[in-house]
Amino acid sequence: TVDKHILFADIIIETRGGREIVAQGFTRDDADRIKQLVG
C-alpha cells in the first residue's frame, strides 16, 4: 500500500505471514515505482 502525503509517501508492505513493514519518507514517484516493480 502506498500512503501518499503532500510531499512524501509511506510504503506499507504486508507479508502473507502477517508481518507489516512500514517504510516512511519516500518520494511519491519512488513509492509508485516500487509497487510497480514488485508486481
Full PDB file with SEQRES, HELIX, SHEET, SSBOND, CRYST1, ORIGX, SCALE, CONECT and MASTER records, all heavy atoms in Angstrom:
SEQRES   1 A   39  THR VAL ASP LYS HIS ILE LEU PHE ALA ASP ILE ILE ILE          
SEQRES   2 A   39  GLU THR ARG GLY GLY ARG GLU ILE VAL ALA GLN GLY PHE          
SEQRES   3 A   39  THR ARG ASP ASP ALA ASP ARG ILE LYS GLN LEU VAL GLY          
HELIX    1 AA1 ARG A   28  VAL A   38  1                                  11    
SHEET    1 AA1 3 VAL A   2  LYS A   4  0                                        
SHEET    2 AA1 3 PHE A   8  GLU A  14 -1                                        
SHEET    3 AA1 3 GLU A  20  THR A  27 -1                                        
CRYST1    1.000    1.000    1.000  90.00  90.00  90.00 P 1           1          
ORIGX1      1.000000  0.000000  0.000000        0.00000                         
ORIGX2      0.000000  1.000000  0.000000        0.00000                         
ORIGX3      0.000000  0.000000  1.000000        0.00000                         
SCALE1      1.000000  0.000000  0.000000        0.00000                         
SCALE2      0.000000  1.000000  0.000000        0.00000                         
SCALE3      0.000000  0.000000  1.000000        0.00000                         
ATOM      1  N   THR A   1       0.854  -1.180   0.000  1.00  0.00           N  
ATOM      2  CA  THR A   1       0.000   0.000   0.000  1.00  0.00           C  
ATOM      3  C   THR A   1       0.893   1.233   0.000  1.00  0.00           C  
ATOM      4  O   THR A   1       1.878   1.290   0.734  1.00  0.00           O  
ATOM      5  CB  THR A   1      -0.897   0.021   1.256  1.00  0.00           C  
ATOM      6  OG1 THR A   1      -1.623  -1.200   1.320  1.00  0.00           O  
ATOM      7  CG2 THR A   1      -1.851   1.193   1.233  1.00  0.00           C  
ATOM      8  N   VAL A   2       0.542   2.192  -0.834  1.00  0.00           N  
ATOM      9  CA  VAL A   2       1.263   3.458  -0.866  1.00  0.00           C  
ATOM     10  C   VAL A   2       0.359   4.513  -0.242  1.00  0.00           C  
ATOM     11  O   VAL A   2      -0.729   4.779  -0.739  1.00  0.00           O  
ATOM     12  CB  VAL A   2       1.647   3.850  -2.317  1.00  0.00           C  
ATOM     13  CG1 VAL A   2       2.297   5.224  -2.337  1.00  0.00           C  
ATOM     14  CG2 VAL A   2       2.572   2.804  -2.926  1.00  0.00           C  
ATOM     15  N   ASP A   3       0.799   5.065   0.880  1.00  0.00           N  
ATOM     16  CA  ASP A   3       0.050   6.101   1.594  1.00  0.00           C  
ATOM     17  C   ASP A   3       0.690   7.442   1.242  1.00  0.00           C  
ATOM     18  O   ASP A   3       1.740   7.789   1.778  1.00  0.00           O  
ATOM     19  CB  ASP A   3       0.104   5.827   3.092  1.00  0.00           C  
ATOM     20  CG  ASP A   3      -0.735   6.800   3.895  1.00  0.00           C  
ATOM     21  OD1 ASP A   3      -1.545   7.541   3.304  1.00  0.00           O  
ATOM     22  OD2 ASP A   3      -0.580   6.816   5.137  1.00  0.00           O  
ATOM     23  N   LYS A   4       0.048   8.179   0.330  1.00  0.00           N  
ATOM     24  CA  LYS A   4       0.629   9.434  -0.164  1.00  0.00           C  
ATOM     25  C   LYS A   4       0.224  10.617   0.702  1.00  0.00           C  
ATOM     26  O   LYS A   4      -0.924  10.754   1.083  1.00  0.00           O  
ATOM     27  CB  LYS A   4       0.186   9.677  -1.607  1.00  0.00           C  
ATOM     28  CG  LYS A   4       0.739   8.649  -2.561  1.00  0.00           C  
ATOM     29  CD  LYS A   4       0.316   8.925  -3.986  1.00  0.00           C  
ATOM     30  CE  LYS A   4       0.895   7.872  -4.906  1.00  0.00           C  
ATOM     31  NZ  LYS A   4       0.500   8.070  -6.291  1.00  0.00           N  
ATOM     32  N   HIS A   5       1.228  11.432   1.013  1.00  0.00           N  
ATOM     33  CA  HIS A   5       1.025  12.669   1.752  1.00  0.00           C  
ATOM     34  C   HIS A   5       1.301  13.830   0.801  1.00  0.00           C  
ATOM     35  O   HIS A   5       1.501  13.623  -0.393  1.00  0.00           O  
ATOM     36  CB  HIS A   5       1.954  12.705   2.969  1.00  0.00           C  
ATOM     37  CG  HIS A   5       1.818  11.498   3.844  1.00  0.00           C  
ATOM     38  ND1 HIS A   5       0.753  11.295   4.680  1.00  0.00           N  
ATOM     39  CD2 HIS A   5       2.608  10.406   3.970  1.00  0.00           C  
ATOM     40  CE1 HIS A   5       0.883  10.148   5.307  1.00  0.00           C  
ATOM     41  NE2 HIS A   5       2.010   9.579   4.894  1.00  0.00           N  
ATOM     42  N   ILE A   6       1.360  15.042   1.292  1.00  0.00           N  
ATOM     43  CA  ILE A   6       1.554  16.208   0.424  1.00  0.00           C  
ATOM     44  C   ILE A   6       2.849  16.101  -0.377  1.00  0.00           C  
ATOM     45  O   ILE A   6       2.842  16.278  -1.579  1.00  0.00           O  
ATOM     46  CB  ILE A   6       1.532  17.515   1.255  1.00  0.00           C  
ATOM     47  CG1 ILE A   6       0.140  17.726   1.842  1.00  0.00           C  
ATOM     48  CG2 ILE A   6       1.943  18.702   0.403  1.00  0.00           C  
ATOM     49  CD1 ILE A   6       0.054  18.860   2.843  1.00  0.00           C  
ATOM     50  N   LEU A   7       3.963  15.818   0.285  1.00  0.00           N  
ATOM     51  CA  LEU A   7       5.244  15.757  -0.415  1.00  0.00           C  
ATOM     52  C   LEU A   7       5.813  14.347  -0.528  1.00  0.00           C  
ATOM     53  O   LEU A   7       6.486  14.026  -1.494  1.00  0.00           O  
ATOM     54  CB  LEU A   7       6.283  16.639   0.287  1.00  0.00           C  
ATOM     55  CG  LEU A   7       5.980  18.130   0.317  1.00  0.00           C  
ATOM     56  CD1 LEU A   7       7.031  18.855   1.147  1.00  0.00           C  
ATOM     57  CD2 LEU A   7       5.942  18.700  -1.087  1.00  0.00           C  
ATOM     58  N   PHE A   8       5.579  13.535   0.457  1.00  0.00           N  
ATOM     59  CA  PHE A   8       6.206  12.218   0.520  1.00  0.00           C  
ATOM     60  C   PHE A   8       5.159  11.117   0.597  1.00  0.00           C  
ATOM     61  O   PHE A   8       3.962  11.381   0.672  1.00  0.00           O  
ATOM     62  CB  PHE A   8       7.141  12.141   1.733  1.00  0.00           C  
ATOM     63  CG  PHE A   8       8.197  13.208   1.716  1.00  0.00           C  
ATOM     64  CD1 PHE A   8       8.136  14.282   2.585  1.00  0.00           C  
ATOM     65  CD2 PHE A   8       9.243  13.149   0.818  1.00  0.00           C  
ATOM     66  CE1 PHE A   8       9.102  15.276   2.560  1.00  0.00           C  
ATOM     67  CE2 PHE A   8      10.212  14.139   0.775  1.00  0.00           C  
ATOM     68  CZ  PHE A   8      10.145  15.200   1.651  1.00  0.00           C  
ATOM     69  N   ALA A   9       5.646   9.884   0.599  1.00  0.00           N  
ATOM     70  CA  ALA A   9       4.749   8.739   0.686  1.00  0.00           C  
ATOM     71  C   ALA A   9       5.350   7.690   1.606  1.00  0.00           C  
ATOM     72  O   ALA A   9       6.571   7.566   1.725  1.00  0.00           O  
ATOM     73  CB  ALA A   9       4.512   8.148  -0.697  1.00  0.00           C  
ATOM     74  N   ASP A  10       4.478   6.944   2.255  1.00  0.00           N  
ATOM     75  CA  ASP A  10       4.879   5.802   3.068  1.00  0.00           C  
ATOM     76  C   ASP A  10       4.509   4.543   2.300  1.00  0.00           C  
ATOM     77  O   ASP A  10       3.490   4.502   1.610  1.00  0.00           O  
ATOM     78  CB  ASP A  10       4.164   5.801   4.412  1.00  0.00           C  
ATOM     79  CG  ASP A  10       4.456   7.043   5.233  1.00  0.00           C  
ATOM     80  OD1 ASP A  10       5.517   7.668   5.010  1.00  0.00           O  
ATOM     81  OD2 ASP A  10       3.628   7.387   6.090  1.00  0.00           O  
ATOM     82  N   ILE A  11       5.334   3.532   2.428  1.00  0.00           N  
ATOM     83  CA  ILE A  11       5.089   2.262   1.766  1.00  0.00           C  
ATOM     84  C   ILE A  11       4.828   1.230   2.852  1.00  0.00           C  
ATOM     85  O   ILE A  11       5.672   1.024   3.731  1.00  0.00           O  
ATOM     86  CB  ILE A  11       6.298   1.848   0.903  1.00  0.00           C  
ATOM     87  CG1 ILE A  11       6.581   2.945  -0.118  1.00  0.00           C  
ATOM     88  CG2 ILE A  11       6.055   0.508   0.232  1.00  0.00           C  
ATOM     89  CD1 ILE A  11       7.943   2.895  -0.718  1.00  0.00           C  
ATOM     90  N   ILE A  12       3.669   0.602   2.809  1.00  0.00           N  
ATOM     91  CA  ILE A  12       3.308  -0.415   3.786  1.00  0.00           C  
ATOM     92  C   ILE A  12       3.303  -1.759   3.074  1.00  0.00           C  
ATOM     93  O   ILE A  12       2.535  -1.964   2.132  1.00  0.00           O  
ATOM     94  CB  ILE A  12       1.938  -0.134   4.433  1.00  0.00           C  
ATOM     95  CG1 ILE A  12       1.986   1.217   5.167  1.00  0.00           C  
ATOM     96  CG2 ILE A  12       1.565  -1.225   5.424  1.00  0.00           C  
ATOM     97  CD1 ILE A  12       1.187   2.275   4.516  1.00  0.00           C  
ATOM     98  N   ILE A  13       4.175  -2.651   3.517  1.00  0.00           N  
ATOM     99  CA  ILE A  13       4.300  -3.981   2.910  1.00  0.00           C  
ATOM    100  C   ILE A  13       3.772  -4.984   3.918  1.00  0.00           C  
ATOM    101  O   ILE A  13       4.270  -5.067   5.047  1.00  0.00           O  
ATOM    102  CB  ILE A  13       5.773  -4.291   2.584  1.00  0.00           C  
ATOM    103  CG1 ILE A  13       6.329  -3.225   1.639  1.00  0.00           C  
ATOM    104  CG2 ILE A  13       5.917  -5.690   1.999  1.00  0.00           C  
ATOM    105  CD1 ILE A  13       7.826  -3.137   1.608  1.00  0.00           C  
ATOM    106  N   GLU A  14       2.763  -5.734   3.519  1.00  0.00           N  
ATOM    107  CA  GLU A  14       2.209  -6.781   4.373  1.00  0.00           C  
ATOM    108  C   GLU A  14       2.568  -8.126   3.773  1.00  0.00           C  
ATOM    109  O   GLU A  14       2.329  -8.373   2.598  1.00  0.00           O  
ATOM    110  CB  GLU A  14       0.693  -6.629   4.488  1.00  0.00           C  
ATOM    111  CG  GLU A  14       0.295  -5.369   5.224  1.00  0.00           C  
ATOM    112  CD  GLU A  14      -1.212  -5.239   5.381  1.00  0.00           C  
ATOM    113  OE1 GLU A  14      -1.901  -6.271   5.442  1.00  0.00           O  
ATOM    114  OE2 GLU A  14      -1.686  -4.102   5.434  1.00  0.00           O  
ATOM    115  N   THR A  15       3.154  -8.993   4.607  1.00  0.00           N  
ATOM    116  CA  THR A  15       3.533 -10.307   4.128  1.00  0.00           C  
ATOM    117  C   THR A  15       2.381 -11.285   4.340  1.00  0.00           C  
ATOM    118  O   THR A  15       1.464 -11.020   5.121  1.00  0.00           O  
ATOM    119  CB  THR A  15       4.780 -10.833   4.863  1.00  0.00           C  
ATOM    120  OG1 THR A  15       4.450 -11.052   6.226  1.00  0.00           O  
ATOM    121  CG2 THR A  15       5.939  -9.861   4.750  1.00  0.00           C  
ATOM    122  N   ARG A  16       2.473 -12.407   3.665  1.00  0.00           N  
ATOM    123  CA  ARG A  16       1.437 -13.441   3.809  1.00  0.00           C  
ATOM    124  C   ARG A  16       1.430 -14.033   5.210  1.00  0.00           C  
ATOM    125  O   ARG A  16       0.450 -14.598   5.636  1.00  0.00           O  
ATOM    126  CB  ARG A  16       1.635 -14.525   2.763  1.00  0.00           C  
ATOM    127  CG  ARG A  16       1.459 -14.005   1.359  1.00  0.00           C  
ATOM    128  CD  ARG A  16       1.401 -15.117   0.347  1.00  0.00           C  
ATOM    129  NE  ARG A  16       1.485 -14.607  -1.007  1.00  0.00           N  
ATOM    130  CZ  ARG A  16       0.508 -14.028  -1.679  1.00  0.00           C  
ATOM    131  NH1 ARG A  16      -0.661 -13.876  -1.102  1.00  0.00           N  
ATOM    132  NH2 ARG A  16       0.682 -13.597  -2.910  1.00  0.00           N  
ATOM    133  N   GLY A  17       2.526 -13.872   5.950  1.00  0.00           N  
ATOM    134  CA  GLY A  17       2.613 -14.368   7.320  1.00  0.00           C  
ATOM    135  C   GLY A  17       2.101 -13.375   8.351  1.00  0.00           C  
ATOM    136  O   GLY A  17       2.184 -13.611   9.545  1.00  0.00           O  
ATOM    137  N   GLY A  18       1.587 -12.225   7.906  1.00  0.00           N  
ATOM    138  CA  GLY A  18       1.024 -11.245   8.824  1.00  0.00           C  
ATOM    139  C   GLY A  18       1.990 -10.179   9.307  1.00  0.00           C  
ATOM    140  O   GLY A  18       1.638  -9.348  10.135  1.00  0.00           O  
ATOM    141  N   ARG A  19       3.195 -10.178   8.803  1.00  0.00           N  
ATOM    142  CA  ARG A  19       4.178  -9.170   9.199  1.00  0.00           C  
ATOM    143  C   ARG A  19       3.940  -7.889   8.404  1.00  0.00           C  
ATOM    144  O   ARG A  19       3.566  -7.932   7.242  1.00  0.00           O  
ATOM    145  CB  ARG A  19       5.570  -9.707   8.903  1.00  0.00           C  
ATOM    146  CG  ARG A  19       6.666  -8.887   9.451  1.00  0.00           C  
ATOM    147  CD  ARG A  19       7.968  -9.633   9.245  1.00  0.00           C  
ATOM    148  NE  ARG A  19       9.031  -8.913   9.899  1.00  0.00           N  
ATOM    149  CZ  ARG A  19      10.269  -9.277   9.854  1.00  0.00           C  
ATOM    150  NH1 ARG A  19      10.609 -10.352   9.197  1.00  0.00           N  
ATOM    151  NH2 ARG A  19      11.187  -8.569  10.456  1.00  0.00           N  
ATOM    152  N   GLU A  20       4.171  -6.749   9.037  1.00  0.00           N  
ATOM    153  CA  GLU A  20       3.984  -5.463   8.374  1.00  0.00           C  
ATOM    154  C   GLU A  20       5.277  -4.653   8.453  1.00  0.00           C  
ATOM    155  O   GLU A  20       5.861  -4.515   9.516  1.00  0.00           O  
ATOM    156  CB  GLU A  20       2.837  -4.689   9.024  1.00  0.00           C  
ATOM    157  CG  GLU A  20       2.520  -3.394   8.315  1.00  0.00           C  
ATOM    158  CD  GLU A  20       1.320  -2.683   8.903  1.00  0.00           C  
ATOM    159  OE1 GLU A  20       1.508  -1.910   9.859  1.00  0.00           O  
ATOM    160  OE2 GLU A  20       0.220  -2.920   8.411  1.00  0.00           O  
ATOM    161  N   ILE A  21       5.698  -4.140   7.304  1.00  0.00           N  
ATOM    162  CA  ILE A  21       6.877  -3.277   7.219  1.00  0.00           C  
ATOM    163  C   ILE A  21       6.399  -1.915   6.754  1.00  0.00           C  
ATOM    164  O   ILE A  21       5.714  -1.819   5.734  1.00  0.00           O  
ATOM    165  CB  ILE A  21       7.898  -3.845   6.210  1.00  0.00           C  
ATOM    166  CG1 ILE A  21       8.358  -5.234   6.653  1.00  0.00           C  
ATOM    167  CG2 ILE A  21       9.080  -2.901   6.056  1.00  0.00           C  
ATOM    168  CD1 ILE A  21       9.079  -6.003   5.570  1.00  0.00           C  
ATOM    169  N   VAL A  22       6.743  -0.868   7.493  1.00  0.00           N  
ATOM    170  CA  VAL A  22       6.359   0.489   7.122  1.00  0.00           C  
ATOM    171  C   VAL A  22       7.626   1.275   6.819  1.00  0.00           C  
ATOM    172  O   VAL A  22       8.459   1.491   7.698  1.00  0.00           O  
ATOM    173  CB  VAL A  22       5.550   1.183   8.237  1.00  0.00           C  
ATOM    174  CG1 VAL A  22       5.185   2.597   7.833  1.00  0.00           C  
ATOM    175  CG2 VAL A  22       4.303   0.378   8.583  1.00  0.00           C  
ATOM    176  N   ALA A  23       7.777   1.668   5.560  1.00  0.00           N  
ATOM    177  CA  ALA A  23       8.932   2.455   5.122  1.00  0.00           C  
ATOM    178  C   ALA A  23       8.435   3.875   4.853  1.00  0.00           C  
ATOM    179  O   ALA A  23       7.592   4.084   3.987  1.00  0.00           O  
ATOM    180  CB  ALA A  23       9.535   1.844   3.865  1.00  0.00           C  
ATOM    181  N   GLN A  24       8.962   4.840   5.575  1.00  0.00           N  
ATOM    182  CA  GLN A  24       8.468   6.213   5.512  1.00  0.00           C  
ATOM    183  C   GLN A  24       9.425   7.146   4.787  1.00  0.00           C  
ATOM    184  O   GLN A  24      10.632   6.943   4.791  1.00  0.00           O  
ATOM    185  CB  GLN A  24       8.238   6.748   6.927  1.00  0.00           C  
ATOM    186  CG  GLN A  24       7.223   5.948   7.712  1.00  0.00           C  
ATOM    187  CD  GLN A  24       7.104   6.442   9.133  1.00  0.00           C  
ATOM    188  OE1 GLN A  24       8.091   6.631   9.815  1.00  0.00           O  
ATOM    189  NE2 GLN A  24       5.871   6.666   9.561  1.00  0.00           N  
ATOM    190  N   GLY A  25       8.844   8.190   4.161  1.00  0.00           N  
ATOM    191  CA  GLY A  25       9.636   9.285   3.637  1.00  0.00           C  
ATOM    192  C   GLY A  25      10.151   9.147   2.225  1.00  0.00           C  
ATOM    193  O   GLY A  25      11.100   9.823   1.848  1.00  0.00           O  
ATOM    194  N   PHE A  26       9.553   8.298   1.415  1.00  0.00           N  
ATOM    195  CA  PHE A  26       9.969   8.157   0.023  1.00  0.00           C  
ATOM    196  C   PHE A  26       9.202   9.143  -0.849  1.00  0.00           C  
ATOM    197  O   PHE A  26       8.116   9.599  -0.476  1.00  0.00           O  
ATOM    198  CB  PHE A  26       9.737   6.725  -0.459  1.00  0.00           C  
ATOM    199  CG  PHE A  26      10.682   5.744   0.171  1.00  0.00           C  
ATOM    200  CD1 PHE A  26      10.419   5.214   1.424  1.00  0.00           C  
ATOM    201  CD2 PHE A  26      11.845   5.377  -0.463  1.00  0.00           C  
ATOM    202  CE1 PHE A  26      11.297   4.332   2.027  1.00  0.00           C  
ATOM    203  CE2 PHE A  26      12.740   4.497   0.125  1.00  0.00           C  
ATOM    204  CZ  PHE A  26      12.460   3.976   1.373  1.00  0.00           C  
ATOM    205  N   THR A  27       9.771   9.479  -2.001  1.00  0.00           N  
ATOM    206  CA  THR A  27       9.027  10.349  -2.905  1.00  0.00           C  
ATOM    207  C   THR A  27       7.810   9.587  -3.411  1.00  0.00           C  
ATOM    208  O   THR A  27       7.801   8.349  -3.441  1.00  0.00           O  
ATOM    209  CB  THR A  27       9.877  10.801  -4.117  1.00  0.00           C  
ATOM    210  OG1 THR A  27      10.179   9.668  -4.923  1.00  0.00           O  
ATOM    211  CG2 THR A  27      11.145  11.517  -3.677  1.00  0.00           C  
ATOM    212  N   ARG A  28       6.821  10.313  -3.815  1.00  0.00           N  
ATOM    213  CA  ARG A  28       5.595   9.686  -4.319  1.00  0.00           C  
ATOM    214  C   ARG A  28       5.882   8.864  -5.563  1.00  0.00           C  
ATOM    215  O   ARG A  28       5.356   7.762  -5.722  1.00  0.00           O  
ATOM    216  CB  ARG A  28       4.549  10.766  -4.592  1.00  0.00           C  
ATOM    217  CG  ARG A  28       4.098  11.472  -3.316  1.00  0.00           C  
ATOM    218  CD  ARG A  28       3.375  12.772  -3.590  1.00  0.00           C  
ATOM    219  NE  ARG A  28       2.201  12.595  -4.400  1.00  0.00           N  
ATOM    220  CZ  ARG A  28       0.960  12.807  -4.015  1.00  0.00           C  
ATOM    221  NH1 ARG A  28       0.733  13.227  -2.790  1.00  0.00           N  
ATOM    222  NH2 ARG A  28      -0.043  12.630  -4.825  1.00  0.00           N  
ATOM    223  N   ASP A  29       6.754   9.371  -6.446  1.00  0.00           N  
ATOM    224  CA  ASP A  29       7.115   8.639  -7.664  1.00  0.00           C  
ATOM    225  C   ASP A  29       7.873   7.352  -7.336  1.00  0.00           C  
ATOM    226  O   ASP A  29       7.618   6.309  -7.941  1.00  0.00           O  
ATOM    227  CB  ASP A  29       7.956   9.513  -8.596  1.00  0.00           C  
ATOM    228  CG  ASP A  29       7.148  10.616  -9.267  1.00  0.00           C  
ATOM    229  OD1 ASP A  29       5.897  10.517  -9.314  1.00  0.00           O  
ATOM    230  OD2 ASP A  29       7.767  11.579  -9.752  1.00  0.00           O  
ATOM    231  N   ASP A  30       8.815   7.432  -6.391  1.00  0.00           N  
ATOM    232  CA  ASP A  30       9.554   6.231  -5.994  1.00  0.00           C  
ATOM    233  C   ASP A  30       8.622   5.186  -5.395  1.00  0.00           C  
ATOM    234  O   ASP A  30       8.755   3.993  -5.676  1.00  0.00           O  
ATOM    235  CB  ASP A  30      10.657   6.571  -4.986  1.00  0.00           C  
ATOM    236  CG  ASP A  30      11.906   7.151  -5.627  1.00  0.00           C  
ATOM    237  OD1 ASP A  30      11.970   7.207  -6.879  1.00  0.00           O  
ATOM    238  OD2 ASP A  30      12.819   7.548  -4.874  1.00  0.00           O  
ATOM    239  N   ALA A  31       7.681   5.617  -4.582  1.00  0.00           N  
ATOM    240  CA  ALA A  31       6.737   4.684  -3.973  1.00  0.00           C  
ATOM    241  C   ALA A  31       5.912   3.964  -5.043  1.00  0.00           C  
ATOM    242  O   ALA A  31       5.730   2.747  -4.980  1.00  0.00           O  
ATOM    243  CB  ALA A  31       5.825   5.419  -2.995  1.00  0.00           C  
ATOM    244  N   ASP A  32       5.434   4.708  -6.027  1.00  0.00           N  
ATOM    245  CA  ASP A  32       4.678   4.093  -7.121  1.00  0.00           C  
ATOM    246  C   ASP A  32       5.547   3.121  -7.910  1.00  0.00           C  
ATOM    247  O   ASP A  32       5.101   2.038  -8.306  1.00  0.00           O  
ATOM    248  CB  ASP A  32       4.109   5.161  -8.054  1.00  0.00           C  
ATOM    249  CG  ASP A  32       2.959   5.930  -7.435  1.00  0.00           C  
ATOM    250  OD1 ASP A  32       2.307   5.411  -6.498  1.00  0.00           O  
ATOM    251  OD2 ASP A  32       2.707   7.066  -7.893  1.00  0.00           O  
ATOM    252  N   ARG A  33       6.800   3.480  -8.144  1.00  0.00           N  
ATOM    253  CA  ARG A  33       7.722   2.628  -8.903  1.00  0.00           C  
ATOM    254  C   ARG A  33       8.035   1.340  -8.134  1.00  0.00           C  
ATOM    255  O   ARG A  33       8.104   0.263  -8.720  1.00  0.00           O  
ATOM    256  CB  ARG A  33       9.017   3.400  -9.203  1.00  0.00           C  
ATOM    257  CG  ARG A  33      10.005   2.635 -10.003  1.00  0.00           C  
ATOM    258  CD  ARG A  33       9.585   2.527 -11.458  1.00  0.00           C  
ATOM    259  NE  ARG A  33      10.655   1.901 -12.219  1.00  0.00           N  
ATOM    260  CZ  ARG A  33      10.482   0.888 -13.047  1.00  0.00           C  
ATOM    261  NH1 ARG A  33       9.296   0.418 -13.298  1.00  0.00           N  
ATOM    262  NH2 ARG A  33      11.501   0.363 -13.668  1.00  0.00           N  
ATOM    263  N   ILE A  34       8.211   1.431  -6.843  1.00  0.00           N  
ATOM    264  CA  ILE A  34       8.460   0.254  -6.025  1.00  0.00           C  
ATOM    265  C   ILE A  34       7.281  -0.703  -6.121  1.00  0.00           C  
ATOM    266  O   ILE A  34       7.460  -1.910  -6.333  1.00  0.00           O  
ATOM    267  CB  ILE A  34       8.731   0.650  -4.556  1.00  0.00           C  
ATOM    268  CG1 ILE A  34      10.087   1.349  -4.447  1.00  0.00           C  
ATOM    269  CG2 ILE A  34       8.666  -0.560  -3.632  1.00  0.00           C  
ATOM    270  CD1 ILE A  34      10.311   2.092  -3.148  1.00  0.00           C  
ATOM    271  N   LYS A  35       6.102  -0.181  -5.988  1.00  0.00           N  
ATOM    272  CA  LYS A  35       4.900  -1.009  -6.089  1.00  0.00           C  
ATOM    273  C   LYS A  35       4.817  -1.679  -7.464  1.00  0.00           C  
ATOM    274  O   LYS A  35       4.497  -2.853  -7.580  1.00  0.00           O  
ATOM    275  CB  LYS A  35       3.648  -0.161  -5.818  1.00  0.00           C  
ATOM    276  CG  LYS A  35       2.383  -0.963  -5.740  1.00  0.00           C  
ATOM    277  CD  LYS A  35       1.218  -0.114  -5.284  1.00  0.00           C  
ATOM    278  CE  LYS A  35      -0.035  -0.960  -5.220  1.00  0.00           C  
ATOM    279  NZ  LYS A  35      -1.166  -0.221  -4.722  1.00  0.00           N  
ATOM    280  N   GLN A  36       5.137  -0.944  -8.493  1.00  0.00           N  
ATOM    281  CA  GLN A  36       5.101  -1.475  -9.861  1.00  0.00           C  
ATOM    282  C   GLN A  36       6.151  -2.580 -10.049  1.00  0.00           C  
ATOM    283  O   GLN A  36       5.856  -3.619 -10.653  1.00  0.00           O  
ATOM    284  CB  GLN A  36       5.347  -0.352 -10.857  1.00  0.00           C  
ATOM    285  CG  GLN A  36       5.385  -0.794 -12.303  1.00  0.00           C  
ATOM    286  CD  GLN A  36       5.815   0.335 -13.238  1.00  0.00           C  
ATOM    287  OE1 GLN A  36       6.573   1.215 -12.825  1.00  0.00           O  
ATOM    288  NE2 GLN A  36       5.349   0.274 -14.454  1.00  0.00           N  
ATOM    289  N   LEU A  37       7.351  -2.392  -9.545  1.00  0.00           N  
ATOM    290  CA  LEU A  37       8.417  -3.362  -9.721  1.00  0.00           C  
ATOM    291  C   LEU A  37       8.136  -4.682  -9.021  1.00  0.00           C  
ATOM    292  O   LEU A  37       8.528  -5.747  -9.503  1.00  0.00           O  
ATOM    293  CB  LEU A  37       9.757  -2.789  -9.222  1.00  0.00           C  
ATOM    294  CG  LEU A  37      10.393  -1.734 -10.094  1.00  0.00           C  
ATOM    295  CD1 LEU A  37      11.544  -1.050  -9.367  1.00  0.00           C  
ATOM    296  CD2 LEU A  37      10.873  -2.343 -11.415  1.00  0.00           C  
ATOM    297  N   VAL A  38       7.498  -4.602  -7.885  1.00  0.00           N  
ATOM    298  CA  VAL A  38       7.205  -5.826  -7.132  1.00  0.00           C  
ATOM    299  C   VAL A  38       6.053  -6.593  -7.781  1.00  0.00           C  
ATOM    300  O   VAL A  38       5.888  -7.781  -7.560  1.00  0.00           O  
ATOM    301  CB  VAL A  38       6.936  -5.497  -5.654  1.00  0.00           C  
ATOM    302  CG1 VAL A  38       6.509  -6.711  -4.880  1.00  0.00           C  
ATOM    303  CG2 VAL A  38       8.180  -4.899  -5.028  1.00  0.00           C  
ATOM    304  N   GLY A  39       5.272  -5.906  -8.584  1.00  0.00           N  
ATOM    305  CA  GLY A  39       4.220  -6.590  -9.315  1.00  0.00           C  
ATOM    306  C   GLY A  39       2.845  -6.528  -8.698  1.00  0.00           C  
ATOM    307  O   GLY A  39       1.969  -7.319  -9.002  1.00  0.00           O  
TER     308      GLY A  39                                                      
MASTER        0    0    0    1    3    0    0    6  307    1    0    3          
END                                                                             
